[in-house]
Amino acid sequence: MMLNVLILVLFPLAMAFAASSDLLTMTISNRLVLALTGSFFVLAIFAGLGWAEIGSHILAAAVVLAGAFICFARGWIGGGDAKIAAAIALWFGFDQVMPYLLYASLLGGALTLLILKFRTGPLPASLSSYSWIQRLHDNNSGVPYGIALAAAALMIYPDTIFMQKIVM
């Protein structure tokens, strides 16, 4: 029963925190990435994943981290985005990582276009007192891509091996 609650609550809460943190501060905490990574291993063992399957998930995360690091080095994404994408890939493994990356790309593109459109007009005075909105409106600021990464993760999560392990 407790395993079911953790499977249903832990990952979605972590994604909600990552998205909101990136929106409000343009950062994704290393602690969140470490907690997400550590909780994968705990849940994987309790959910009965074998060592080969866990190893496959680790390899999927390493591949995503390598690709995300290239994107980070080119200035396309932030370091927190690269780390959270790899942590999410750890949870998904090769079975779900490609659909995840596709959704993240599509949602990230849409988010970027929306923010660029938002930046074309003047910031309403009623919103100018919020530092996070000022940051979103600033043309020299990045895009909180963690929102798209988290949203894509929540779209894929119901199809993961963890959700298949829930005992009704």
Protein backbone atom coordinates (compact mmCIF):
# COMPACT_ATOMS: atom_id res chain seq x y z
CA MET A 1 0.00 0.00 0.00
CA MET A 2 2.76 2.48 0.93
CA LEU A 3 4.63 1.61 -2.27
CA ASN A 4 1.51 2.50 -4.28
CA VAL A 5 1.22 5.87 -2.55
CA LEU A 6 4.89 6.64 -3.21
CA ILE A 7 4.56 5.66 -6.87
CA LEU A 8 1.44 7.79 -7.29
CA VAL A 9 2.69 10.85 -5.41
CA LEU A 10 6.49 11.16 -5.37
CA PHE A 11 7.31 11.62 -9.06
CA PRO A 12 4.35 13.92 -9.86
CA LEU A 13 5.16 16.14 -6.87
CA ALA A 14 8.79 16.33 -7.91
CA MET A 15 7.72 17.39 -11.42
CA ALA A 16 5.36 20.02 -10.06
CA PHE A 17 8.15 21.38 -7.87
CA ALA A 18 10.65 21.40 -10.75
CA ALA A 19 8.25 23.26 -13.06
CA SER A 20 7.21 25.84 -10.48
CA SER A 21 10.78 26.39 -9.32
CA ASP A 22 11.98 26.94 -12.87
CA LEU A 23 9.10 29.32 -13.57
CA LEU A 24 9.63 31.40 -10.44
CA THR A 25 13.42 31.35 -10.11
CA MET A 26 14.82 29.99 -13.41
CA THR A 27 16.61 27.30 -11.41
CA ILE A 28 16.09 23.62 -10.73
CA SER A 29 17.65 22.58 -7.46
CA ASN A 30 20.43 20.00 -7.40
CA ARG A 31 18.76 18.64 -4.28
CA LEU A 32 15.62 17.90 -6.27
CA VAL A 33 17.65 16.08 -8.93
CA LEU A 34 19.47 14.08 -6.27
CA ALA A 35 16.21 13.27 -4.46
CA LEU A 36 14.61 12.15 -7.70
CA THR A 37 17.62 10.01 -8.54
CA GLY A 38 17.84 8.45 -5.09
CA SER A 39 14.13 7.77 -4.88
CA PHE A 40 14.29 5.97 -8.23
CA PHE A 41 16.70 3.43 -6.78
CA VAL A 42 14.64 2.92 -3.64
CA LEU A 43 11.39 2.51 -5.55
CA ALA A 44 13.01 0.35 -8.22
CA ILE A 45 14.17 -2.13 -5.60
CA PHE A 46 10.83 -2.17 -3.75
CA ALA A 47 8.89 -2.42 -7.02
CA GLY A 48 10.89 -5.51 -7.94
CA LEU A 49 12.95 -4.24 -10.87
CA GLY A 50 15.86 -6.54 -11.64
CA TRP A 51 19.47 -5.41 -11.74
CA ALA A 52 19.56 -5.64 -15.53
CA GLU A 53 16.48 -3.45 -15.79
CA ILE A 54 17.91 -0.92 -13.33
CA GLY A 55 21.14 -0.92 -15.35
CA SER A 56 19.16 -0.22 -18.52
CA HIS A 57 17.49 2.76 -16.82
CA ILE A 58 20.91 4.05 -15.75
CA LEU A 59 22.16 3.75 -19.32
CA ALA A 60 19.13 5.66 -20.64
CA ALA A 61 19.83 8.43 -18.12
CA ALA A 62 23.51 8.53 -19.15
CA VAL A 63 22.58 8.85 -22.84
CA VAL A 64 20.13 11.68 -22.10
CA LEU A 65 22.67 13.40 -19.84
CA ALA A 66 25.29 13.26 -22.62
CA GLY A 67 22.87 14.76 -25.15
CA ALA A 68 21.62 17.33 -22.67
CA PHE A 69 25.19 18.29 -21.78
CA ILE A 70 25.85 19.03 -25.46
CA CYS A 71 22.73 21.23 -25.52
CA PHE A 72 23.91 22.96 -22.34
CA ALA A 73 27.42 23.51 -23.74
CA ARG A 74 25.89 25.18 -26.80
CA GLY A 75 23.75 27.43 -24.59
CA TRP A 76 20.44 25.93 -25.71
CA ILE A 77 19.32 24.79 -22.25
CA GLY A 78 20.34 25.44 -18.67
CA GLY A 79 22.34 23.11 -16.48
CA GLY A 80 19.34 22.36 -14.27
CA ASP A 81 17.33 21.40 -17.35
CA ALA A 82 20.05 18.97 -18.43
CA LYS A 83 20.22 17.36 -15.00
CA ILE A 84 16.46 17.04 -14.51
CA ALA A 85 16.05 15.58 -18.01
CA ALA A 86 18.59 12.87 -17.14
CA ALA A 87 16.91 12.18 -13.79
CA ILE A 88 13.56 11.83 -15.56
CA ALA A 89 15.13 9.49 -18.13
CA LEU A 90 16.37 7.38 -15.23
CA TRP A 91 12.76 6.86 -14.15
CA PHE A 92 11.59 6.11 -17.70
CA GLY A 93 14.33 3.93 -19.13
CA PHE A 94 14.63 3.21 -22.82
CA ASP A 95 11.00 2.08 -23.03
CA GLN A 96 9.65 5.60 -22.48
CA VAL A 97 12.57 7.96 -23.09
CA MET A 98 11.89 8.60 -26.80
CA PRO A 99 8.22 9.54 -26.34
CA TYR A 100 9.30 11.69 -23.40
CA LEU A 101 11.91 13.54 -25.45
CA LEU A 102 9.42 14.04 -28.29
CA TYR A 103 6.79 15.53 -25.96
CA ALA A 104 9.42 17.64 -24.19
CA SER A 105 10.61 19.01 -27.52
CA LEU A 106 7.11 19.85 -28.72
CA LEU A 107 6.06 21.40 -25.41
CA GLY A 108 9.36 23.24 -25.11
CA GLY A 109 8.96 24.70 -28.58
CA ALA A 110 5.42 25.84 -27.81
CA LEU A 111 6.54 27.32 -24.48
CA THR A 112 9.39 29.16 -26.17
CA LEU A 113 7.08 30.63 -28.80
CA LEU A 114 4.59 31.74 -26.14
CA ILE A 115 7.28 33.44 -24.10
CA LEU A 116 8.77 35.12 -27.16
CA LYS A 117 5.31 36.43 -28.05
CA PHE A 118 4.84 37.64 -24.44
CA ARG A 119 8.11 39.54 -24.72
CA THR A 120 7.07 41.46 -27.85
CA GLY A 121 4.61 43.71 -26.04
CA PRO A 122 5.01 46.02 -23.07
CA LEU A 123 4.72 44.49 -19.62
CA PRO A 124 1.44 45.61 -18.00
CA ALA A 125 2.00 47.78 -14.94
CA SER A 126 -0.09 45.42 -12.82
CA LEU A 127 2.44 42.63 -13.47
CA SER A 128 5.64 44.65 -13.22
CA SER A 129 5.92 44.24 -9.45
CA TYR A 130 6.52 40.48 -9.76
CA SER A 131 10.20 39.71 -10.25
CA TRP A 132 9.53 36.33 -11.89
CA ILE A 133 7.23 37.93 -14.47
CA GLN A 134 9.81 40.64 -15.13
CA ARG A 135 12.37 37.88 -15.70
CA LEU A 136 10.04 36.07 -18.11
CA HIS A 137 9.50 39.32 -20.01
CA ASP A 138 13.21 40.14 -20.24
CA ASN A 139 14.61 39.43 -23.72
CA ASN A 140 18.01 38.71 -22.17
CA SER A 141 16.56 35.99 -19.96
CA GLY A 142 16.23 32.35 -20.88
CA VAL A 143 13.16 30.18 -21.14
CA PRO A 144 12.13 28.09 -18.12
CA TYR A 145 12.35 24.88 -20.12
CA GLY A 146 11.91 22.84 -16.95
CA ILE A 147 8.18 23.51 -17.29
CA ALA A 148 8.11 21.62 -20.60
CA LEU A 149 10.34 18.85 -19.25
CA ALA A 150 8.08 18.34 -16.24
CA ALA A 151 4.85 18.51 -18.25
CA ALA A 152 6.16 15.95 -20.75
CA ALA A 153 7.23 13.72 -17.86
CA LEU A 154 3.75 13.84 -16.36
CA MET A 155 2.27 12.91 -19.73
CA ILE A 156 4.50 9.82 -19.99
CA TYR A 157 4.52 8.73 -16.34
CA PRO A 158 1.22 6.77 -16.48
CA ASP A 159 2.84 4.43 -19.04
CA THR A 160 5.94 3.67 -16.97
CA ILE A 161 6.90 0.43 -15.33
CA PHE A 162 6.26 1.99 -11.92
CA MET A 163 2.61 2.64 -12.69
CA GLN A 164 2.31 -0.93 -13.99
CA LYS A 165 3.53 -2.16 -10.58
CA ILE A 166 0.65 -0.58 -8.67
CA VAL A 167 -1.37 -3.24 -6.91
CA MET A 168 -5.06 -2.50 -6.75
